[in-house]
Amino acid sequence: MTEEDGVRVEEAIGQQIAHLRAARQMSLTQLGQAMGRYLGKPWSRQAVHQAERGRRAFTAAELAAVALALDTSIPALFLAGAEPVELPAATISAEDYRALLLYAGDDVPLDGVEELIVALHDIAEVVQRPALARLARIGRIAEQVASAPPPPGRPDHLVRRGLTRRKHPA
């Protein structure tokens, strides 16, 4: 696959960091300062920006600091979109990449959080489908029609319940 077919793993992590930071209404500087509590030295605004753009590799300590600063888990930082993820020597499907986030060993039972993360991601993908967007638009239009005033001369309670008769051409 070419670079256009997927997103580099650093970019996927960076996009997730940017998303989580924005959801928490933190500035680049605030995130860098919060990370400094765990790393001993804060990241500059520019360092956080570079990380969010996927232009920075992460150490294990940095990933832990980002997760702690954003009040999330390390696996949550690895969530990616529907596109394949590029590693240095291979590109893997989005499904295989998400499967990496689930622990499949026998010595520690899953508590369901990992499955919930993947399920929520899958739900988000479904909700963004064009057909569902059209259904949502239809629903909004139906609500507008239902809340519109009745036509003149028709009782309000009959119109809302659909109990008026249509006039058929002779």
C-alpha atoms as a PDB file:
ATOM      1  CA  MET A   1       0.000   0.000   0.000  1.00  0.00           C
ATOM      2  CA  THR A   2       1.120   3.518  -0.592  1.00  0.00           C
ATOM      3  CA  GLU A   3       1.317   6.219   2.019  1.00  0.00           C
ATOM      4  CA  GLU A   4      -1.990   7.612   0.706  1.00  0.00           C
ATOM      5  CA  ASP A   5      -3.771   4.362   1.585  1.00  0.00           C
ATOM      6  CA  GLY A   6      -3.320   4.665   5.336  1.00  0.00           C
ATOM      7  CA  VAL A   7      -2.264   6.835   8.195  1.00  0.00           C
ATOM      8  CA  ARG A   8       1.057   6.501  10.004  1.00  0.00           C
ATOM      9  CA  VAL A   9       0.688   5.164  13.540  1.00  0.00           C
ATOM     10  CA  GLU A  10       2.178   8.403  14.941  1.00  0.00           C
ATOM     11  CA  GLU A  11      -0.466  10.387  13.031  1.00  0.00           C
ATOM     12  CA  ALA A  12      -3.256   8.169  14.384  1.00  0.00           C
ATOM     13  CA  ILE A  13      -2.039   8.708  17.937  1.00  0.00           C
ATOM     14  CA  GLY A  14      -1.583  12.433  17.312  1.00  0.00           C
ATOM     15  CA  GLN A  15      -5.105  12.789  15.931  1.00  0.00           C
ATOM     16  CA  GLN A  16      -6.483  11.067  19.009  1.00  0.00           C
ATOM     17  CA  ILE A  17      -4.444  13.310  21.314  1.00  0.00           C
ATOM     18  CA  ALA A  18      -5.765  16.387  19.494  1.00  0.00           C
ATOM     19  CA  HIS A  19      -9.333  15.088  19.722  1.00  0.00           C
ATOM     20  CA  LEU A  20      -9.079  14.317  23.442  1.00  0.00           C
ATOM     21  CA  ARG A  21      -7.350  17.630  24.202  1.00  0.00           C
ATOM     22  CA  ALA A  22     -10.071  19.575  22.383  1.00  0.00           C
ATOM     23  CA  ALA A  23     -12.821  17.589  24.129  1.00  0.00           C
ATOM     24  CA  ARG A  24     -11.276  18.575  27.463  1.00  0.00           C
ATOM     25  CA  GLN A  25     -10.944  22.193  26.335  1.00  0.00           C
ATOM     26  CA  MET A  26      -7.214  22.244  27.004  1.00  0.00           C
ATOM     27  CA  SER A  27      -4.781  24.438  25.125  1.00  0.00           C
ATOM     28  CA  LEU A  28      -1.551  23.070  23.686  1.00  0.00           C
ATOM     29  CA  THR A  29       0.325  24.815  26.501  1.00  0.00           C
ATOM     30  CA  GLN A  30      -1.974  23.395  29.191  1.00  0.00           C
ATOM     31  CA  LEU A  31      -1.465  19.847  27.921  1.00  0.00           C
ATOM     32  CA  GLY A  32       2.319  20.352  27.820  1.00  0.00           C
ATOM     33  CA  GLN A  33       2.287  21.685  31.396  1.00  0.00           C
ATOM     34  CA  ALA A  34       0.121  18.780  32.601  1.00  0.00           C
ATOM     35  CA  MET A  35       2.508  16.284  30.995  1.00  0.00           C
ATOM     36  CA  GLY A  36       5.397  17.966  32.803  1.00  0.00           C
ATOM     37  CA  ARG A  37       3.994  16.812  36.147  1.00  0.00           C
ATOM     38  CA  TYR A  38       4.725  13.236  35.066  1.00  0.00           C
ATOM     39  CA  LEU A  39       7.830  13.722  32.927  1.00  0.00           C
ATOM     40  CA  GLY A  40       9.720  16.137  35.174  1.00  0.00           C
ATOM     41  CA  LYS A  41       9.800  18.742  32.404  1.00  0.00           C
ATOM     42  CA  PRO A  42       6.798  20.156  30.513  1.00  0.00           C
ATOM     43  CA  TRP A  43       6.437  19.838  26.796  1.00  0.00           C
ATOM     44  CA  SER A  44       6.427  23.104  24.902  1.00  0.00           C
ATOM     45  CA  ARG A  45       3.386  24.208  22.926  1.00  0.00           C
ATOM     46  CA  GLN A  46       5.349  23.380  19.767  1.00  0.00           C
ATOM     47  CA  ALA A  47       6.176  19.848  20.991  1.00  0.00           C
ATOM     48  CA  VAL A  48       2.504  19.123  21.658  1.00  0.00           C
ATOM     49  CA  HIS A  49       1.599  20.546  18.239  1.00  0.00           C
ATOM     50  CA  GLN A  50       4.225  18.329  16.551  1.00  0.00           C
ATOM     51  CA  ALA A  51       2.876  15.276  18.409  1.00  0.00           C
ATOM     52  CA  GLU A  52      -0.696  16.042  17.334  1.00  0.00           C
ATOM     53  CA  ARG A  53       0.446  16.295  13.713  1.00  0.00           C
ATOM     54  CA  GLY A  54       2.154  12.889  13.861  1.00  0.00           C
ATOM     55  CA  ARG A  55       5.632  14.361  13.497  1.00  0.00           C
ATOM     56  CA  ARG A  56       6.926  12.926  16.744  1.00  0.00           C
ATOM     57  CA  ALA A  57       7.582   9.404  17.963  1.00  0.00           C
ATOM     58  CA  PHE A  58       6.625   8.654  21.568  1.00  0.00           C
ATOM     59  CA  THR A  59       8.470   6.929  24.382  1.00  0.00           C
ATOM     60  CA  ALA A  60       6.507   4.724  26.761  1.00  0.00           C
ATOM     61  CA  ALA A  61       6.877   7.381  29.476  1.00  0.00           C
ATOM     62  CA  GLU A  62       5.503  10.064  27.148  1.00  0.00           C
ATOM     63  CA  LEU A  63       2.483   7.928  26.234  1.00  0.00           C
ATOM     64  CA  ALA A  64       1.812   7.342  29.929  1.00  0.00           C
ATOM     65  CA  ALA A  65       2.152  11.083  30.652  1.00  0.00           C
ATOM     66  CA  VAL A  66      -0.206  12.015  27.800  1.00  0.00           C
ATOM     67  CA  ALA A  67      -2.784   9.474  29.007  1.00  0.00           C
ATOM     68  CA  LEU A  68      -2.553  10.736  32.577  1.00  0.00           C
ATOM     69  CA  ALA A  69      -2.695  14.390  31.528  1.00  0.00           C
ATOM     70  CA  LEU A  70      -5.780  13.726  29.374  1.00  0.00           C
ATOM     71  CA  ASP A  71      -7.384  11.494  32.017  1.00  0.00           C
ATOM     72  CA  THR A  72      -7.652   8.555  29.631  1.00  0.00           C
ATOM     73  CA  SER A  73      -6.003   5.191  29.025  1.00  0.00           C
ATOM     74  CA  ILE A  74      -3.019   4.373  26.860  1.00  0.00           C
ATOM     75  CA  PRO A  75      -5.142   2.140  24.570  1.00  0.00           C
ATOM     76  CA  ALA A  76      -7.527   5.071  24.030  1.00  0.00           C
ATOM     77  CA  LEU A  77      -4.600   7.032  22.558  1.00  0.00           C
ATOM     78  CA  PHE A  78      -4.183   4.347  19.906  1.00  0.00           C
ATOM     79  CA  LEU A  79      -7.741   4.487  18.571  1.00  0.00           C
ATOM     80  CA  ALA A  80      -7.778   5.321  14.881  1.00  0.00           C
ATOM     81  CA  GLY A  81     -10.307   5.913  12.147  1.00  0.00           C
ATOM     82  CA  ALA A  82     -11.417   3.469   9.499  1.00  0.00           C
ATOM     83  CA  GLU A  83      -8.284   3.806   7.374  1.00  0.00           C
ATOM     84  CA  PRO A  84      -5.403   1.305   7.510  1.00  0.00           C
ATOM     85  CA  VAL A  85      -2.471   2.108   9.794  1.00  0.00           C
ATOM     86  CA  GLU A  86       1.080   2.245   8.496  1.00  0.00           C
ATOM     87  CA  LEU A  87       3.956   0.840  10.506  1.00  0.00           C
ATOM     88  CA  PRO A  88       7.551   1.252   9.312  1.00  0.00           C
ATOM     89  CA  ALA A  89       7.568  -1.976   7.292  1.00  0.00           C
ATOM     90  CA  ALA A  90       3.902  -2.861   6.839  1.00  0.00           C
ATOM     91  CA  THR A  91       0.404  -1.467   6.606  1.00  0.00           C
ATOM     92  CA  ILE A  92      -2.302  -3.178   8.641  1.00  0.00           C
ATOM     93  CA  SER A  93      -6.071  -2.939   8.359  1.00  0.00           C
ATOM     94  CA  ALA A  94      -8.033  -0.771  10.760  1.00  0.00           C
ATOM     95  CA  GLU A  95      -9.673  -3.933  12.171  1.00  0.00           C
ATOM     96  CA  ASP A  96      -6.315  -5.593  12.891  1.00  0.00           C
ATOM     97  CA  TYR A  97      -5.022  -2.359  14.400  1.00  0.00           C
ATOM     98  CA  ARG A  98      -8.045  -2.121  16.744  1.00  0.00           C
ATOM     99  CA  ALA A  99      -7.586  -5.790  17.658  1.00  0.00           C
ATOM    100  CA  LEU A 100      -4.123  -4.906  18.975  1.00  0.00           C
ATOM    101  CA  LEU A 101      -5.838  -2.861  21.676  1.00  0.00           C
ATOM    102  CA  LEU A 102      -7.550  -5.927  23.108  1.00  0.00           C
ATOM    103  CA  TYR A 103      -5.588  -8.178  25.412  1.00  0.00           C
ATOM    104  CA  ALA A 104      -6.115 -11.799  24.392  1.00  0.00           C
ATOM    105  CA  GLY A 105      -3.984 -13.582  26.980  1.00  0.00           C
ATOM    106  CA  ASP A 106      -5.228 -16.223  29.403  1.00  0.00           C
ATOM    107  CA  ASP A 107      -3.604 -14.947  32.594  1.00  0.00           C
ATOM    108  CA  VAL A 108      -5.627 -11.739  32.972  1.00  0.00           C
ATOM    109  CA  PRO A 109      -9.380 -11.674  32.371  1.00  0.00           C
ATOM    110  CA  LEU A 110     -10.848  -8.851  30.320  1.00  0.00           C
ATOM    111  CA  ASP A 111     -12.999  -6.493  32.332  1.00  0.00           C
ATOM    112  CA  GLY A 112     -15.025  -5.359  29.333  1.00  0.00           C
ATOM    113  CA  VAL A 113     -13.504  -1.895  29.011  1.00  0.00           C
ATOM    114  CA  GLU A 114     -11.480  -2.841  25.956  1.00  0.00           C
ATOM    115  CA  GLU A 115     -14.518  -4.328  24.239  1.00  0.00           C
ATOM    116  CA  LEU A 116     -16.521  -1.217  25.115  1.00  0.00           C
ATOM    117  CA  ILE A 117     -13.894   1.046  23.551  1.00  0.00           C
ATOM    118  CA  VAL A 118     -13.962  -0.921  20.307  1.00  0.00           C
ATOM    119  CA  ALA A 119     -17.777  -1.107  20.341  1.00  0.00           C
ATOM    120  CA  LEU A 120     -18.078   2.656  20.846  1.00  0.00           C
ATOM    121  CA  HIS A 121     -15.681   3.235  17.974  1.00  0.00           C
ATOM    122  CA  ASP A 122     -17.720   0.922  15.755  1.00  0.00           C
ATOM    123  CA  ILE A 123     -20.944   2.706  16.765  1.00  0.00           C
ATOM    124  CA  ALA A 124     -19.372   6.056  15.858  1.00  0.00           C
ATOM    125  CA  GLU A 125     -18.521   4.687  12.406  1.00  0.00           C
ATOM    126  CA  VAL A 126     -22.088   3.455  11.892  1.00  0.00           C
ATOM    127  CA  VAL A 127     -23.624   6.753  13.001  1.00  0.00           C
ATOM    128  CA  GLN A 128     -21.496   8.615  10.466  1.00  0.00           C
ATOM    129  CA  ARG A 129     -22.813   6.595   7.509  1.00  0.00           C
ATOM    130  CA  PRO A 130     -24.636   8.661   4.850  1.00  0.00           C
ATOM    131  CA  ALA A 131     -27.825   6.561   5.046  1.00  0.00           C
ATOM    132  CA  LEU A 132     -28.157   7.286   8.755  1.00  0.00           C
ATOM    133  CA  ALA A 133     -27.510  10.972   8.146  1.00  0.00           C
ATOM    134  CA  ARG A 134     -30.403  10.952   5.662  1.00  0.00           C
ATOM    135  CA  LEU A 135     -32.632   9.208   8.204  1.00  0.00           C
ATOM    136  CA  ALA A 136     -31.727  11.834  10.793  1.00  0.00           C
ATOM    137  CA  ARG A 137     -32.650  14.594   8.312  1.00  0.00           C
ATOM    138  CA  ILE A 138     -35.950  12.849   7.571  1.00  0.00           C
ATOM    139  CA  GLY A 139     -36.603  12.626  11.312  1.00  0.00           C
ATOM    140  CA  ARG A 140     -35.949  16.351  11.768  1.00  0.00           C
ATOM    141  CA  ILE A 141     -38.288  17.182   8.878  1.00  0.00           C
ATOM    142  CA  ALA A 142     -40.966  14.890  10.332  1.00  0.00           C
ATOM    143  CA  GLU A 143     -40.673  16.697  13.673  1.00  0.00           C
ATOM    144  CA  GLN A 144     -41.041  20.054  11.924  1.00  0.00           C
ATOM    145  CA  VAL A 145     -44.136  18.856  10.049  1.00  0.00           C
ATOM    146  CA  ALA A 146     -45.638  17.424  13.238  1.00  0.00           C
ATOM    147  CA  SER A 147     -45.117  20.683  15.107  1.00  0.00           C
ATOM    148  CA  ALA A 148     -46.457  22.880  12.272  1.00  0.00           C
ATOM    149  CA  PRO A 149     -49.870  24.519  12.792  1.00  0.00           C
ATOM    150  CA  PRO A 150     -52.822  22.641  11.218  1.00  0.00           C
ATOM    151  CA  PRO A 151     -54.238  23.756   7.884  1.00  0.00           C
ATOM    152  CA  PRO A 152     -57.176  26.171   8.216  1.00  0.00           C
ATOM    153  CA  GLY A 153     -60.507  24.492   8.837  1.00  0.00           C
ATOM    154  CA  ARG A 154     -59.118  21.216  10.226  1.00  0.00           C
ATOM    155  CA  PRO A 155     -59.262  20.334  13.912  1.00  0.00           C
ATOM    156  CA  ASP A 156     -55.748  20.310  15.419  1.00  0.00           C
ATOM    157  CA  HIS A 157     -56.109  16.960  17.227  1.00  0.00           C
ATOM    158  CA  LEU A 158     -57.182  15.157  14.024  1.00  0.00           C
ATOM    159  CA  VAL A 159     -54.349  16.532  11.915  1.00  0.00           C
ATOM    160  CA  ARG A 160     -51.697  15.503  14.442  1.00  0.00           C
ATOM    161  CA  ARG A 161     -53.058  11.986  14.626  1.00  0.00           C
ATOM    162  CA  GLY A 162     -53.391  11.672  10.860  1.00  0.00           C
ATOM    163  CA  LEU A 163     -57.161  11.175  11.096  1.00  0.00           C
ATOM    164  CA  THR A 164     -58.260  13.601   8.420  1.00  0.00           C
ATOM    165  CA  ARG A 165     -59.556  12.164   5.150  1.00  0.00           C
ATOM    166  CA  ARG A 166     -57.961  12.955   1.888  1.00  0.00           C
ATOM    167  CA  LYS A 167     -60.147  14.233  -0.882  1.00  0.00           C
ATOM    168  CA  HIS A 168     -59.988  11.859  -3.841  1.00  0.00           C
ATOM    169  CA  PRO A 169     -60.411  13.231  -7.344  1.00  0.00           C
ATOM    170  CA  ALA A 170     -63.655  12.105  -8.975  1.00  0.00           C
END
